[in-house]
Amino acid sequence: MILLLVDSSEKIRNIRIKLESSLDILRQLDVGPSRILLVLNKVDVIEENSIPTIEGEYSARGFKTVKISALRGEGMHQLKLQISERVKGPVGLHIDFR
């Protein structure tokens, strides 16, 4: 399983460029969409339409996505669930928000 972390506060164009660059490398390593979880971080400071656009584009290509704010701890439960579903067991996730 690969967690591909995306800074969703960037402009959509930059997100696409970075994602495609990362995905090109993963394709060369024979890592398909079923083994990748796109983690869209910084949802607390996003450009209005970037998340639905990116989610829609990449889910149509077979990628699962989860939205989080690492700073505020939002979406961490969903991230943990997504990981545990894929690794078939409980996952411990601790983040220190100091």
C-alpha atoms as a PDB file:
ATOM      1  CA  MET A   1       0.000   0.000   0.000  1.00  0.00           C
ATOM      2  CA  ILE A   2       1.225   3.449  -0.947  1.00  0.00           C
ATOM      3  CA  LEU A   3      -0.070   6.592   0.754  1.00  0.00           C
ATOM      4  CA  LEU A   4       0.336   9.394  -1.762  1.00  0.00           C
ATOM      5  CA  LEU A   5       0.051  12.620   0.215  1.00  0.00           C
ATOM      6  CA  VAL A   6      -1.145  15.678  -1.684  1.00  0.00           C
ATOM      7  CA  ASP A   7      -1.029  19.299  -0.534  1.00  0.00           C
ATOM      8  CA  SER A   8      -4.553  20.210  -1.615  1.00  0.00           C
ATOM      9  CA  SER A   9      -4.071  23.884  -0.746  1.00  0.00           C
ATOM     10  CA  GLU A  10      -2.088  24.337  -3.963  1.00  0.00           C
ATOM     11  CA  LYS A  11      -3.588  25.364  -7.283  1.00  0.00           C
ATOM     12  CA  ILE A  12      -5.268  22.482  -9.149  1.00  0.00           C
ATOM     13  CA  ARG A  13      -2.746  22.733 -11.983  1.00  0.00           C
ATOM     14  CA  ASN A  14       0.164  22.207  -9.566  1.00  0.00           C
ATOM     15  CA  ILE A  15      -1.622  19.333  -7.833  1.00  0.00           C
ATOM     16  CA  ARG A  16      -2.148  17.589 -11.172  1.00  0.00           C
ATOM     17  CA  ILE A  17       1.484  18.064 -12.219  1.00  0.00           C
ATOM     18  CA  LYS A  18       2.808  16.642  -8.940  1.00  0.00           C
ATOM     19  CA  LEU A  19       0.333  13.773  -8.875  1.00  0.00           C
ATOM     20  CA  GLU A  20       1.050  12.759 -12.463  1.00  0.00           C
ATOM     21  CA  SER A  21       4.799  12.883 -11.841  1.00  0.00           C
ATOM     22  CA  SER A  22       4.432  10.637  -8.788  1.00  0.00           C
ATOM     23  CA  LEU A  23       2.036   8.298 -10.591  1.00  0.00           C
ATOM     24  CA  ASP A  24       4.413   7.974 -13.558  1.00  0.00           C
ATOM     25  CA  ILE A  25       7.113   6.699 -11.213  1.00  0.00           C
ATOM     26  CA  LEU A  26       4.683   4.337  -9.484  1.00  0.00           C
ATOM     27  CA  ARG A  27       3.558   2.973 -12.882  1.00  0.00           C
ATOM     28  CA  GLN A  28       7.190   2.267 -13.750  1.00  0.00           C
ATOM     29  CA  LEU A  29       7.341   0.250 -10.524  1.00  0.00           C
ATOM     30  CA  ASP A  30       4.150  -1.624 -11.539  1.00  0.00           C
ATOM     31  CA  VAL A  31       2.112  -0.083  -8.726  1.00  0.00           C
ATOM     32  CA  GLY A  32      -1.506   0.260  -9.849  1.00  0.00           C
ATOM     33  CA  PRO A  33      -4.356   2.392  -8.496  1.00  0.00           C
ATOM     34  CA  SER A  34      -5.653  -0.408  -6.270  1.00  0.00           C
ATOM     35  CA  ARG A  35      -2.457  -0.190  -4.192  1.00  0.00           C
ATOM     36  CA  ILE A  36      -2.475   3.623  -3.865  1.00  0.00           C
ATOM     37  CA  LEU A  37      -4.468   5.764  -1.453  1.00  0.00           C
ATOM     38  CA  LEU A  38      -4.515   9.464  -2.332  1.00  0.00           C
ATOM     39  CA  VAL A  39      -4.430  11.440   0.912  1.00  0.00           C
ATOM     40  CA  LEU A  40      -5.636  14.982   0.297  1.00  0.00           C
ATOM     41  CA  ASN A  41      -4.133  17.062   3.091  1.00  0.00           C
ATOM     42  CA  LYS A  42      -4.790  20.676   4.143  1.00  0.00           C
ATOM     43  CA  VAL A  43      -8.531  20.466   3.493  1.00  0.00           C
ATOM     44  CA  ASP A  44      -8.899  23.226   6.063  1.00  0.00           C
ATOM     45  CA  VAL A  45      -7.211  25.726   3.707  1.00  0.00           C
ATOM     46  CA  ILE A  46      -8.225  24.565   0.224  1.00  0.00           C
ATOM     47  CA  GLU A  47      -8.998  26.323  -2.991  1.00  0.00           C
ATOM     48  CA  GLU A  48     -12.820  26.113  -3.250  1.00  0.00           C
ATOM     49  CA  ASN A  49     -13.234  23.557  -6.036  1.00  0.00           C
ATOM     50  CA  SER A  50      -9.931  21.695  -5.914  1.00  0.00           C
ATOM     51  CA  ILE A  51     -10.971  18.753  -3.715  1.00  0.00           C
ATOM     52  CA  PRO A  52     -14.129  17.701  -5.616  1.00  0.00           C
ATOM     53  CA  THR A  53     -12.283  18.146  -8.911  1.00  0.00           C
ATOM     54  CA  ILE A  54      -9.239  16.093  -7.899  1.00  0.00           C
ATOM     55  CA  GLU A  55     -11.398  13.467  -6.153  1.00  0.00           C
ATOM     56  CA  GLY A  56     -13.618  13.071  -9.201  1.00  0.00           C
ATOM     57  CA  GLU A  57     -10.774  12.872 -11.696  1.00  0.00           C
ATOM     58  CA  TYR A  58      -8.778  10.297  -9.785  1.00  0.00           C
ATOM     59  CA  SER A  59     -11.658   8.180  -8.481  1.00  0.00           C
ATOM     60  CA  ALA A  60     -12.780   7.814 -12.117  1.00  0.00           C
ATOM     61  CA  ARG A  61      -9.317   6.339 -12.761  1.00  0.00           C
ATOM     62  CA  GLY A  62      -9.706   3.820  -9.930  1.00  0.00           C
ATOM     63  CA  PHE A  63      -7.989   5.635  -7.056  1.00  0.00           C
ATOM     64  CA  LYS A  64      -9.408   5.801  -3.537  1.00  0.00           C
ATOM     65  CA  THR A  65      -9.098   9.162  -1.800  1.00  0.00           C
ATOM     66  CA  VAL A  66      -9.361  10.418   1.753  1.00  0.00           C
ATOM     67  CA  LYS A  67      -9.455  14.051   2.898  1.00  0.00           C
ATOM     68  CA  ILE A  68      -7.542  15.155   5.987  1.00  0.00           C
ATOM     69  CA  SER A  69      -6.205  18.129   7.861  1.00  0.00           C
ATOM     70  CA  ALA A  70      -3.062  16.934   9.609  1.00  0.00           C
ATOM     71  CA  LEU A  71      -2.913  20.234  11.482  1.00  0.00           C
ATOM     72  CA  ARG A  72      -6.408  19.931  12.970  1.00  0.00           C
ATOM     73  CA  GLY A  73      -6.676  16.145  13.020  1.00  0.00           C
ATOM     74  CA  GLU A  74      -9.691  16.130  10.708  1.00  0.00           C
ATOM     75  CA  GLY A  75     -10.214  12.963   8.690  1.00  0.00           C
ATOM     76  CA  MET A  76      -7.715  10.901  10.683  1.00  0.00           C
ATOM     77  CA  HIS A  77     -10.359   8.326  11.631  1.00  0.00           C
ATOM     78  CA  GLN A  78     -11.297   7.881   7.960  1.00  0.00           C
ATOM     79  CA  LEU A  79      -7.625   7.575   7.004  1.00  0.00           C
ATOM     80  CA  LYS A  80      -7.107   4.927   9.652  1.00  0.00           C
ATOM     81  CA  LEU A  81     -10.166   3.010   8.401  1.00  0.00           C
ATOM     82  CA  GLN A  82      -8.973   3.124   4.802  1.00  0.00           C
ATOM     83  CA  ILE A  83      -5.550   1.830   5.808  1.00  0.00           C
ATOM     84  CA  SER A  84      -6.921  -0.942   8.014  1.00  0.00           C
ATOM     85  CA  GLU A  85      -9.277  -2.109   5.234  1.00  0.00           C
ATOM     86  CA  ARG A  86      -6.351  -2.440   2.870  1.00  0.00           C
ATOM     87  CA  VAL A  87      -3.909  -4.102   5.255  1.00  0.00           C
ATOM     88  CA  LYS A  88      -6.625  -6.352   6.701  1.00  0.00           C
ATOM     89  CA  GLY A  89      -6.050  -5.592  10.342  1.00  0.00           C
ATOM     90  CA  PRO A  90      -6.107  -2.936  13.049  1.00  0.00           C
ATOM     91  CA  VAL A  91      -3.925   0.112  12.552  1.00  0.00           C
ATOM     92  CA  GLY A  92      -2.510   2.281  15.311  1.00  0.00           C
ATOM     93  CA  LEU A  93      -2.210   5.927  14.327  1.00  0.00           C
ATOM     94  CA  HIS A  94      -0.985   8.547  16.749  1.00  0.00           C
ATOM     95  CA  ILE A  95      -0.400  12.160  15.828  1.00  0.00           C
ATOM     96  CA  ASP A  96       0.983  14.639  18.315  1.00  0.00           C
ATOM     97  CA  PHE A  97      -0.691  18.021  17.743  1.00  0.00           C
ATOM     98  CA  ARG A  98       1.615  20.083  19.930  1.00  0.00           C
END
